[in-house]
Amino acid sequence: MILSAKYFMPIIIILFVIIMTEIKFYDREAELKTLTSVSEPFLAVIYGRRRVGKTRLILEFCKNRKFIYLFVNPEKSSKMLLEEFSRQLREAMRLPSYVRPESWREFFELLSEYDGIVVFDEFQWFTRVDSSVPFELQRFWDTKEKRPSVIVCGSVVGLIKRLFEDYQSPLYGRADVRLEVKPLEVTTIIEWLKDLGVNCLEEQVKFYLIFGGVPYYYALIQKYSVKSIEDALKKLVFEEHAPLRDEVNGILRETFGKDYYTYSSILSAIAEGYCRVSEIANKVGLKPTSLSPYLKDLTELLDIIKPELPAGRKKGAFYTIKDYFTKFWFKYVYKNRSLLEYNWRKVYEKCIQTLNTYLGEAFELLAKEIVEKLAKENKLPFTPTSISKYYGKFPQGSFDIDIVAYNAKTKTALYMEVKWSEIDYSRAQNIVNTLAEKTAYVKIRPLKKYYGLVAKKILDKERLREEKIIAIDINDLKALPSFKNI
């Protein structure tokens, strides 16, 4: 028997909650402190991409508190959701079975008598199921002196933000707390993997370069007892019933419905290196003018791509996939779907053979994260106003610089190359010299230049730093929270 989406989605949610509640709770102290510091009753909005740990955070906050959890399934009708939520509320309040709200207004009237915390998960789907519900929540919140605390949670970031931040929305200005739950930082993931018995730093970083900082993926890694990246990829991604085999496809299909294939094509193009609007449009067979709404949705609704401007430029934006696993999935799963169906081992073997090259691409994302963190903590020689990749041209052809950190006001720039390899002193000097040659063709003219590199391992790192070269390798991740000025 094949389950329809309306039955399948709640099962997925239940399994997700079961898996996550069995796992140690990592590094959400700041978010918990924010929630516990607000006096009740409050209206809190918690948002962030799927699998990032919003539900687990809420459950942790509600631990030892009375609460009711209501999941807004977009595959159900308004009437079905009203009946389901009314039944849950009736049972929570121990009311007789004849108490049956006939409308959402009556439901919220009854809800005002509940003396616990009310959680609406994936609240943004009311915009699809019944657009009157946000208005009823607004009326309830504005008119009831006696009311429970309400937590509204959503993973379609743009929609949930629009509901509470758009001036024309009925819920504008109503939230006492707005909390974005972001992926865990690499240092937290390293700690988590150590707890799982993965003690090699390079192996820990490999996990991060594929699965990013998404807690659910590490909960699966723990559940499947994998200790190596090869084993994780086989069991979680490539095997016939691997839990993440259809992960990204499912998210796109749920969010965009029948149009999901267009969004998939766009993400596939970006994953292959087609990063400018004209390049993406040409690759997917759309006019550049038709591409904008799709790029906006992927940027604002799902928050999985990001437009960046090269240093010193006001136009010429390029797009990058900011989510590690999405990038990996389109590189190896999406483009091999047909082969994967009848010979997953061949796709897996191909992935393992080319994995080191891919890790080099993904390492650029981590390197940028490291530089951004150092900049935020004032541990670079200056404070950059922008950090991005740079694409340019010189007489021999085109070139790129992996990281350009730039302060337009002070006209100071840091140019960095990123290498997923072991670099000795001599090679580091060659990299910096080549970098210096490239900067002559960069369309900014800084008064002060710094050079550096981020690599898997750098020999004679301190010697390079003495020469004012900013040298960072993965061993520095251990000291990131207290990293010295370099």
Protein backbone atom coordinates (compact mmCIF):
# COMPACT_ATOMS: atom_id res chain seq x y z
CA MET A 1 0.00 0.00 0.00
CA ILE A 2 1.29 3.47 -0.93
CA LEU A 3 0.54 6.16 1.64
CA SER A 4 -0.69 9.49 0.34
CA ALA A 5 1.13 12.66 1.40
CA LYS A 6 -1.54 13.57 3.95
CA TYR A 7 -0.75 10.38 5.91
CA PHE A 8 2.95 10.21 5.08
CA MET A 9 3.96 13.69 6.31
CA PRO A 10 2.73 13.27 9.91
CA ILE A 11 4.59 9.94 10.07
CA ILE A 12 7.79 11.72 8.95
CA ILE A 13 7.25 14.38 11.64
CA ILE A 14 6.68 11.74 14.33
CA LEU A 15 9.82 9.81 13.29
CA PHE A 16 11.82 13.05 13.23
CA VAL A 17 10.68 13.95 16.76
CA ILE A 18 11.42 10.42 18.04
CA ILE A 19 14.93 10.43 16.53
CA MET A 20 15.78 13.93 17.72
CA THR A 21 14.52 13.51 21.30
CA GLU A 22 16.78 10.47 21.72
CA ILE A 23 19.82 12.60 20.84
CA LYS A 24 21.88 14.82 23.13
CA PHE A 25 20.90 18.49 22.87
CA TYR A 26 23.77 20.57 21.45
CA ASP A 27 24.55 24.28 21.58
CA ARG A 28 21.19 26.06 21.66
CA GLU A 29 21.75 27.79 24.99
CA ALA A 30 21.34 31.29 23.53
CA GLU A 31 18.01 30.40 21.90
CA LEU A 32 16.71 28.76 25.09
CA LYS A 33 17.78 31.77 27.13
CA THR A 34 15.87 34.07 24.77
CA LEU A 35 12.69 32.02 25.15
CA THR A 36 12.93 31.66 28.93
CA SER A 37 13.64 35.37 29.45
CA VAL A 38 10.26 36.48 28.06
CA SER A 39 7.38 36.76 30.49
CA GLU A 40 4.23 34.79 29.68
CA PRO A 41 1.93 34.91 27.88
CA PHE A 42 4.08 35.54 24.81
CA LEU A 43 3.84 35.06 21.07
CA ALA A 44 7.10 33.66 19.69
CA VAL A 45 8.03 33.10 16.05
CA ILE A 46 10.73 30.50 15.42
CA TYR A 47 11.94 29.97 11.88
CA GLY A 48 14.78 28.32 10.00
CA ARG A 49 15.36 25.81 7.23
CA ARG A 50 14.07 22.25 7.56
CA ARG A 51 15.90 19.77 9.80
CA VAL A 52 17.81 22.55 11.57
CA GLY A 53 16.41 21.68 15.00
CA LYS A 54 13.47 24.06 15.51
CA THR A 55 11.13 21.33 16.77
CA ARG A 56 13.81 19.92 19.08
CA LEU A 57 14.47 23.41 20.47
CA ILE A 58 10.75 23.87 21.16
CA LEU A 59 10.46 20.45 22.80
CA GLU A 60 13.49 21.24 24.95
CA PHE A 61 11.90 24.54 25.99
CA CYS A 62 8.57 22.83 26.71
CA LYS A 63 10.22 20.10 28.79
CA ASN A 64 8.51 20.02 32.21
CA ARG A 65 5.89 22.47 30.89
CA LYS A 66 2.34 21.75 29.80
CA PHE A 67 2.01 22.15 26.03
CA ILE A 68 0.05 21.10 22.97
CA TYR A 69 1.73 20.48 19.60
CA LEU A 70 -0.27 21.22 16.42
CA PHE A 71 1.26 20.38 13.04
CA VAL A 72 -0.17 22.22 10.02
CA ASN A 73 -0.22 19.60 7.27
CA PRO A 74 -0.62 21.37 3.90
CA GLU A 75 -2.11 18.21 2.39
CA LYS A 76 -5.16 18.43 4.66
CA SER A 77 -8.18 20.67 4.21
CA SER A 78 -9.04 23.47 6.61
CA LYS A 79 -11.98 21.41 7.93
CA MET A 80 -9.77 18.38 8.59
CA LEU A 81 -7.17 20.46 10.44
CA LEU A 82 -9.88 22.17 12.49
CA GLU A 83 -11.29 18.78 13.51
CA GLU A 84 -7.81 17.40 14.31
CA PHE A 85 -6.68 20.41 16.35
CA SER A 86 -10.04 20.61 18.16
CA ARG A 87 -9.74 16.94 19.15
CA GLN A 88 -6.19 17.47 20.45
CA LEU A 89 -7.25 20.55 22.39
CA ARG A 90 -10.33 18.82 23.76
CA GLU A 91 -8.23 15.90 24.99
CA ALA A 92 -5.58 18.21 26.47
CA MET A 93 -8.27 20.16 28.37
CA ARG A 94 -10.22 16.99 29.25
CA LEU A 95 -13.43 18.34 27.78
CA PRO A 96 -16.43 16.21 26.80
CA SER A 97 -16.62 14.89 23.23
CA TYR A 98 -19.52 17.14 22.28
CA VAL A 99 -17.24 20.20 22.49
CA ARG A 100 -16.52 20.66 18.80
CA PRO A 101 -15.60 24.13 17.47
CA GLU A 102 -17.34 24.72 14.14
CA SER A 103 -14.99 27.48 12.95
CA TRP A 104 -11.46 28.73 13.53
CA ARG A 105 -12.88 31.63 15.53
CA GLU A 106 -14.59 29.17 17.87
CA PHE A 107 -11.36 27.17 18.05
CA PHE A 108 -9.38 30.20 19.20
CA GLU A 109 -12.16 31.08 21.67
CA LEU A 110 -11.67 27.65 23.21
CA LEU A 111 -7.88 27.97 23.00
CA SER A 112 -8.01 31.06 25.21
CA GLU A 113 -9.02 28.77 28.10
CA TYR A 114 -5.99 26.49 27.71
CA ASP A 115 -3.41 26.95 30.48
CA GLY A 116 -0.31 25.62 28.71
CA ILE A 117 1.87 26.52 25.73
CA VAL A 118 0.44 26.16 22.21
CA VAL A 119 2.84 25.20 19.40
CA PHE A 120 1.84 25.60 15.74
CA ASP A 121 4.45 23.82 13.62
CA GLU A 122 4.76 24.77 9.92
CA PHE A 123 2.27 27.58 10.51
CA GLN A 124 3.06 29.14 7.12
CA TRP A 125 1.00 26.43 5.40
CA PHE A 126 -2.16 28.15 6.58
CA THR A 127 -1.51 30.56 3.71
CA ARG A 128 -2.18 27.57 1.44
CA VAL A 129 -4.85 25.76 3.47
CA ASP A 130 -6.91 28.64 4.90
CA SER A 131 -5.69 32.23 4.72
CA SER A 132 -8.25 33.34 7.33
CA VAL A 133 -6.38 31.62 10.18
CA PRO A 134 -3.63 34.29 10.57
CA PHE A 135 -6.43 36.87 10.91
CA GLU A 136 -8.15 34.74 13.55
CA LEU A 137 -4.86 34.38 15.46
CA GLN A 138 -4.44 38.16 15.32
CA ARG A 139 -7.98 38.71 16.64
CA PHE A 140 -7.41 36.15 19.39
CA TRP A 141 -4.11 37.75 20.42
CA ASP A 142 -5.46 41.31 20.35
CA THR A 143 -8.76 40.74 22.18
CA LYS A 144 -8.15 38.06 24.80
CA GLU A 145 -6.76 39.15 28.14
CA LYS A 146 -6.58 35.55 29.26
CA ARG A 147 -4.57 33.53 26.76
CA PRO A 148 -1.82 30.91 26.60
CA SER A 149 1.67 31.49 25.24
CA VAL A 150 1.83 30.66 21.53
CA ILE A 151 4.88 29.46 19.59
CA VAL A 152 4.60 29.69 15.82
CA CYS A 153 7.21 27.69 13.93
CA GLY A 154 8.00 27.51 10.23
CA SER A 155 10.62 26.17 7.83
CA VAL A 156 9.66 28.07 4.68
CA VAL A 157 11.63 31.04 5.93
CA GLY A 158 10.32 33.67 3.53
CA LEU A 159 6.66 32.84 4.13
CA ILE A 160 6.87 32.78 7.91
CA LYS A 161 8.84 36.05 7.98
CA ARG A 162 6.34 37.65 5.62
CA LEU A 163 3.47 36.71 7.96
CA PHE A 164 5.06 38.55 10.87
CA GLU A 165 7.24 41.23 9.26
CA ASP A 166 5.15 42.45 6.32
CA TYR A 167 3.40 45.69 7.31
CA GLN A 168 0.20 44.55 5.58
CA SER A 169 0.08 41.19 7.35
CA PRO A 170 -2.48 40.81 10.18
CA LEU A 171 0.27 39.48 12.47
CA TYR A 172 2.68 42.35 11.85
CA GLY A 173 4.15 43.60 15.14
CA ARG A 174 2.46 40.90 17.24
CA ALA A 175 5.49 38.71 17.97
CA ASP A 176 7.23 39.21 21.31
CA VAL A 177 10.11 37.01 20.16
CA ARG A 178 11.46 36.40 16.64
CA LEU A 179 14.09 33.71 16.63
CA GLU A 180 16.00 32.35 13.65
CA VAL A 181 17.44 28.89 14.25
CA LYS A 182 20.57 28.48 12.15
CA PRO A 183 22.68 25.40 11.41
CA LEU A 184 25.18 24.47 14.10
CA GLU A 185 28.70 25.81 13.72
CA VAL A 186 31.54 23.55 12.67
CA THR A 187 33.06 23.59 16.17
CA THR A 188 29.82 22.19 17.63
CA ILE A 189 29.68 19.49 14.94
CA ILE A 190 33.27 18.52 15.77
CA GLU A 191 32.25 18.14 19.43
CA TRP A 192 29.22 16.05 18.44
CA LEU A 193 31.27 13.76 16.20
CA LYS A 194 33.83 13.26 18.98
CA ASP A 195 30.98 12.07 21.19
CA LEU A 196 30.09 9.59 18.43
CA GLY A 197 33.63 8.21 18.35
CA VAL A 198 34.82 10.03 15.22
CA ASN A 199 38.11 11.38 16.58
CA CYS A 200 40.10 12.26 13.45
CA LEU A 201 39.85 16.01 12.78
CA GLU A 202 40.10 15.61 9.01
CA GLU A 203 37.28 13.05 9.07
CA GLN A 204 35.18 15.38 11.23
CA VAL A 205 35.66 18.20 8.73
CA LYS A 206 34.72 15.87 5.86
CA PHE A 207 31.40 15.16 7.59
CA TYR A 208 30.78 18.89 7.92
CA LEU A 209 31.67 19.56 4.28
CA ILE A 210 28.91 17.17 3.20
CA PHE A 211 26.25 17.41 5.91
CA GLY A 212 26.88 20.96 7.11
CA GLY A 213 25.54 21.96 10.52
CA VAL A 214 22.09 20.37 10.23
CA PRO A 215 21.37 18.44 13.48
CA TYR A 216 18.98 15.92 11.92
CA TYR A 217 21.72 14.53 9.67
CA TYR A 218 24.01 13.93 12.64
CA ALA A 219 21.13 12.33 14.53
CA LEU A 220 20.93 9.87 11.61
CA ILE A 221 24.71 9.40 11.69
CA GLN A 222 24.35 8.48 15.36
CA LYS A 223 21.31 6.28 14.70
CA TYR A 224 23.11 4.32 11.97
CA SER A 225 26.35 4.08 14.02
CA VAL A 226 28.60 5.20 11.17
CA LYS A 227 32.20 6.21 11.88
CA SER A 228 33.52 7.16 8.43
CA ILE A 229 32.31 9.46 5.69
CA GLU A 230 32.31 6.56 3.21
CA ASP A 231 30.01 4.52 5.44
CA ALA A 232 27.76 7.53 6.05
CA LEU A 233 27.35 8.19 2.34
CA LYS A 234 26.57 4.54 1.62
CA LYS A 235 24.00 4.07 4.40
CA LEU A 236 22.40 7.53 4.49
CA VAL A 237 22.50 8.67 0.86
CA PHE A 238 23.10 5.98 -1.75
CA GLU A 239 21.66 2.65 -0.61
CA GLU A 240 18.23 1.72 -1.94
CA HIS A 241 16.30 2.77 1.16
CA ALA A 242 18.76 5.40 2.42
CA PRO A 243 16.91 8.07 4.46
CA LEU A 244 18.50 11.03 2.65
CA ARG A 245 18.31 9.69 -0.89
CA ASP A 246 15.27 11.84 -1.75
CA GLU A 247 15.87 14.52 0.88
CA VAL A 248 16.27 17.65 -1.25
CA ASN A 249 13.73 16.53 -3.82
CA GLY A 250 11.16 16.10 -1.05
CA ILE A 251 11.75 19.59 0.33
CA LEU A 252 11.40 21.20 -3.09
CA ARG A 253 8.31 19.16 -3.96
CA GLU A 254 6.60 20.03 -0.67
CA THR A 255 7.41 23.73 -0.99
CA PHE A 256 6.80 24.36 -4.69
CA GLY A 257 4.38 21.62 -5.73
CA LYS A 258 4.31 20.71 -9.42
CA ASP A 259 6.82 23.48 -10.28
CA TYR A 260 9.54 21.85 -8.18
CA TYR A 261 11.34 20.46 -11.25
CA THR A 262 12.17 24.00 -12.45
CA TYR A 263 13.71 24.84 -9.09
CA SER A 264 15.63 21.55 -9.21
CA SER A 265 17.03 22.42 -12.64
CA ILE A 266 18.17 25.83 -11.40
CA LEU A 267 19.90 24.37 -8.34
CA SER A 268 21.53 21.71 -10.50
CA ALA A 269 22.91 24.40 -12.80
CA ILE A 270 24.34 26.37 -9.86
CA ALA A 271 25.85 23.17 -8.41
CA GLU A 272 27.62 22.61 -11.74
CA GLY A 273 29.20 26.09 -11.60
CA TYR A 274 26.75 28.13 -13.68
CA CYS A 275 26.42 30.96 -11.22
CA ARG A 276 25.41 34.11 -13.12
CA VAL A 277 21.82 34.75 -14.17
CA SER A 278 22.60 34.52 -17.89
CA GLU A 279 24.54 31.26 -17.41
CA ILE A 280 21.80 29.67 -15.29
CA ALA A 281 19.07 30.76 -17.73
CA ASN A 282 20.95 29.34 -20.69
CA LYS A 283 21.60 26.05 -18.88
CA VAL A 284 17.97 25.47 -17.83
CA GLY A 285 16.40 26.87 -21.01
CA LEU A 286 14.66 29.92 -19.56
CA LYS A 287 14.85 33.59 -20.45
CA PRO A 288 16.93 35.56 -17.93
CA THR A 289 13.90 37.75 -17.20
CA SER A 290 11.84 34.64 -16.35
CA LEU A 291 14.45 33.39 -13.90
CA SER A 292 14.13 36.13 -11.25
CA PRO A 293 11.01 34.79 -9.43
CA TYR A 294 12.59 31.35 -9.08
CA LEU A 295 15.87 32.74 -7.76
CA LYS A 296 13.95 34.96 -5.34
CA ASP A 297 12.02 31.95 -3.99
CA LEU A 298 15.19 29.90 -3.49
CA THR A 299 16.87 32.87 -1.81
CA GLU A 300 14.05 34.18 0.37
CA LEU A 301 11.60 31.32 0.87
CA LEU A 302 14.02 28.41 1.39
CA ASP A 303 17.22 30.36 2.10
CA ILE A 304 19.40 27.78 0.33
CA ILE A 305 21.08 30.00 -2.27
CA LYS A 306 22.71 33.38 -1.88
CA PRO A 307 23.46 36.16 -4.37
CA GLU A 308 26.88 37.76 -3.93
CA LEU A 309 28.56 40.75 -5.53
CA PRO A 310 32.28 40.67 -6.35
CA ALA A 311 34.29 43.06 -4.17
CA GLY A 312 33.88 46.69 -5.16
CA ARG A 313 31.09 46.04 -7.67
CA LYS A 314 27.46 47.13 -7.65
CA LYS A 315 26.30 44.66 -10.29
CA GLY A 316 27.32 41.30 -11.74
CA ALA A 317 25.89 39.18 -8.90
CA PHE A 318 26.59 35.46 -8.89
CA TYR A 319 24.67 32.77 -7.00
CA THR A 320 26.03 30.09 -4.71
CA ILE A 321 24.34 27.20 -2.90
CA LYS A 322 24.86 28.00 0.77
CA ASP A 323 23.61 24.66 2.14
CA TYR A 324 26.27 21.95 2.17
CA PHE A 325 24.06 18.91 1.71
CA THR A 326 21.97 20.53 -1.05
CA LYS A 327 25.19 21.23 -2.93
CA PHE A 328 26.35 17.62 -2.49
CA TRP A 329 22.94 16.14 -3.37
CA PHE A 330 22.75 17.95 -6.69
CA LYS A 331 26.32 17.04 -7.50
CA TYR A 332 25.93 13.29 -6.99
CA VAL A 333 22.29 12.26 -6.52
CA TYR A 334 20.24 14.49 -8.81
CA LYS A 335 22.44 14.11 -11.88
CA ASN A 336 22.62 10.32 -11.44
CA ARG A 337 18.96 9.56 -10.63
CA SER A 338 18.45 7.03 -13.44
CA LEU A 339 21.62 5.07 -12.68
CA LEU A 340 20.91 5.27 -8.95
CA GLU A 341 17.63 3.39 -9.39
CA TYR A 342 19.20 0.22 -10.77
CA ASN A 343 22.88 0.43 -9.77
CA TRP A 344 23.40 2.58 -6.70
CA ARG A 345 26.80 0.97 -6.04
CA LYS A 346 28.19 2.42 -9.26
CA VAL A 347 27.06 5.94 -8.29
CA TYR A 348 28.50 5.44 -4.81
CA GLU A 349 31.85 4.25 -6.19
CA LYS A 350 31.99 7.20 -8.58
CA CYS A 351 31.32 9.53 -5.65
CA ILE A 352 34.11 8.02 -3.54
CA GLN A 353 36.56 8.25 -6.47
CA THR A 354 35.90 11.97 -6.98
CA LEU A 355 35.13 12.89 -3.38
CA ASN A 356 38.43 14.63 -2.67
CA THR A 357 37.87 17.00 -5.60
CA TYR A 358 34.35 17.73 -4.37
CA LEU A 359 35.58 18.35 -0.82
CA GLY A 360 37.90 20.99 -2.27
CA GLU A 361 34.87 22.82 -3.66
CA ALA A 362 32.90 22.51 -0.43
CA PHE A 363 35.92 23.59 1.63
CA GLU A 364 35.57 27.05 0.06
CA LEU A 365 32.25 27.42 1.92
CA LEU A 366 33.87 26.51 5.23
CA ALA A 367 36.85 28.78 4.57
CA LYS A 368 34.48 31.69 3.99
CA GLU A 369 32.64 30.84 7.23
CA ILE A 370 35.95 30.91 9.11
CA VAL A 371 36.96 34.28 7.66
CA GLU A 372 33.49 35.70 8.41
CA LYS A 373 33.73 34.49 12.01
CA LEU A 374 37.21 35.98 12.44
CA ALA A 375 35.95 39.26 10.97
CA LYS A 376 32.94 39.29 13.30
CA GLU A 377 35.23 38.81 16.29
CA ASN A 378 37.67 41.51 15.09
CA LYS A 379 40.49 39.01 14.65
CA LEU A 380 41.53 40.07 11.16
CA PRO A 381 43.94 42.98 10.54
CA PHE A 382 40.90 45.11 9.57
CA THR A 383 37.11 44.92 9.55
CA PRO A 384 35.79 44.01 6.09
CA THR A 385 32.45 45.32 4.83
CA SER A 386 32.13 42.49 2.29
CA ILE A 387 33.50 38.96 1.92
CA SER A 388 32.97 37.11 -1.35
CA LYS A 389 34.54 35.21 -4.20
CA TYR A 390 35.93 37.24 -7.10
CA TYR A 391 35.69 36.48 -10.81
CA GLY A 392 37.79 38.47 -13.26
CA LYS A 393 39.70 38.48 -16.53
CA PHE A 394 43.32 39.02 -17.45
CA PRO A 395 45.28 38.68 -20.73
CA GLN A 396 45.66 34.90 -20.39
CA GLY A 397 41.92 34.39 -19.83
CA SER A 398 39.64 34.38 -16.81
CA PHE A 399 40.58 33.90 -13.16
CA ASP A 400 38.98 33.72 -9.75
CA ILE A 401 40.09 34.47 -6.22
CA ASP A 402 38.44 32.26 -3.62
CA ILE A 403 38.01 34.92 -0.94
CA VAL A 404 38.24 38.69 -1.15
CA ALA A 405 37.52 40.54 2.09
CA TYR A 406 37.23 44.26 1.45
CA ASN A 407 36.54 47.48 3.33
CA ALA A 408 35.41 50.12 0.84
CA LYS A 409 35.78 52.98 3.31
CA THR A 410 39.38 52.28 4.35
CA LYS A 411 40.23 50.74 0.95
CA THR A 412 41.78 47.68 2.57
CA ALA A 413 41.64 44.20 1.05
CA LEU A 414 42.50 40.65 2.04
CA TYR A 415 43.01 38.16 -0.82
CA MET A 416 42.94 34.44 0.01
CA GLU A 417 43.21 31.13 -1.80
CA VAL A 418 41.58 27.94 -0.47
CA LYS A 419 43.21 24.51 -0.87
CA TRP A 420 41.94 21.13 0.38
CA SER A 421 45.48 19.77 0.57
CA GLU A 422 48.69 19.84 2.60
CA ILE A 423 50.73 22.96 1.85
CA ASP A 424 54.43 23.36 2.68
CA TYR A 425 56.22 26.70 3.01
CA SER A 426 57.50 26.77 -0.57
CA ARG A 427 54.11 26.03 -2.10
CA ALA A 428 52.46 28.58 0.16
CA GLN A 429 54.87 31.23 -1.12
CA ASN A 430 54.06 30.28 -4.71
CA ILE A 431 50.32 30.51 -4.01
CA VAL A 432 50.72 33.96 -2.49
CA ASN A 433 52.89 35.17 -5.39
CA THR A 434 50.30 33.97 -7.92
CA LEU A 435 47.61 35.62 -5.83
CA ALA A 436 49.50 38.91 -5.92
CA GLU A 437 49.73 38.71 -9.72
CA LYS A 438 45.97 38.19 -9.99
CA THR A 439 45.18 41.19 -7.80
CA ALA A 440 46.64 43.53 -10.40
CA TYR A 441 43.55 42.74 -12.50
CA VAL A 442 40.97 43.08 -9.72
CA LYS A 443 38.71 46.07 -10.27
CA ILE A 444 39.33 47.58 -6.88
CA ARG A 445 42.38 49.61 -5.93
CA PRO A 446 43.00 49.11 -2.22
CA LEU A 447 45.56 51.27 -0.45
CA LYS A 448 46.50 48.33 1.77
CA LYS A 449 46.64 44.64 0.74
CA TYR A 450 46.90 41.47 2.80
CA TYR A 451 47.38 37.95 1.47
CA GLY A 452 46.57 34.57 2.90
CA LEU A 453 45.42 31.02 2.41
CA VAL A 454 43.12 28.50 4.05
CA ALA A 455 44.17 24.86 3.63
CA LYS A 456 43.58 21.41 5.04
CA LYS A 457 47.07 21.52 6.55
CA ILE A 458 49.81 24.15 6.40
CA LEU A 459 53.39 23.32 7.36
CA ASP A 460 55.51 26.16 8.79
CA LYS A 461 52.31 28.07 9.51
CA GLU A 462 53.90 30.28 12.16
CA ARG A 463 56.75 31.20 9.81
CA LEU A 464 54.22 32.37 7.22
CA ARG A 465 52.38 34.40 9.85
CA GLU A 466 55.63 36.08 10.86
CA GLU A 467 55.84 37.22 7.24
CA LYS A 468 52.35 38.78 7.58
CA ILE A 469 50.69 36.06 5.50
CA ILE A 470 47.37 35.02 7.01
CA ALA A 471 47.63 31.23 7.21
CA ILE A 472 44.72 29.11 8.48
CA ASP A 473 44.23 25.35 8.43
CA ILE A 474 41.70 22.97 9.96
CA ASN A 475 43.76 22.63 13.14
CA ASP A 476 42.80 26.23 13.87
CA LEU A 477 39.17 25.14 14.17
CA LYS A 478 40.02 23.80 17.62
CA ALA A 479 40.87 27.34 18.71
CA LEU A 480 38.25 29.30 16.74
CA PRO A 481 36.33 30.66 19.75
CA SER A 482 39.54 32.18 21.13
CA PHE A 483 41.49 32.57 17.91
CA LYS A 484 44.34 35.08 18.20
CA ASN A 485 44.74 38.04 15.87
CA ILE A 486 46.59 36.95 12.75
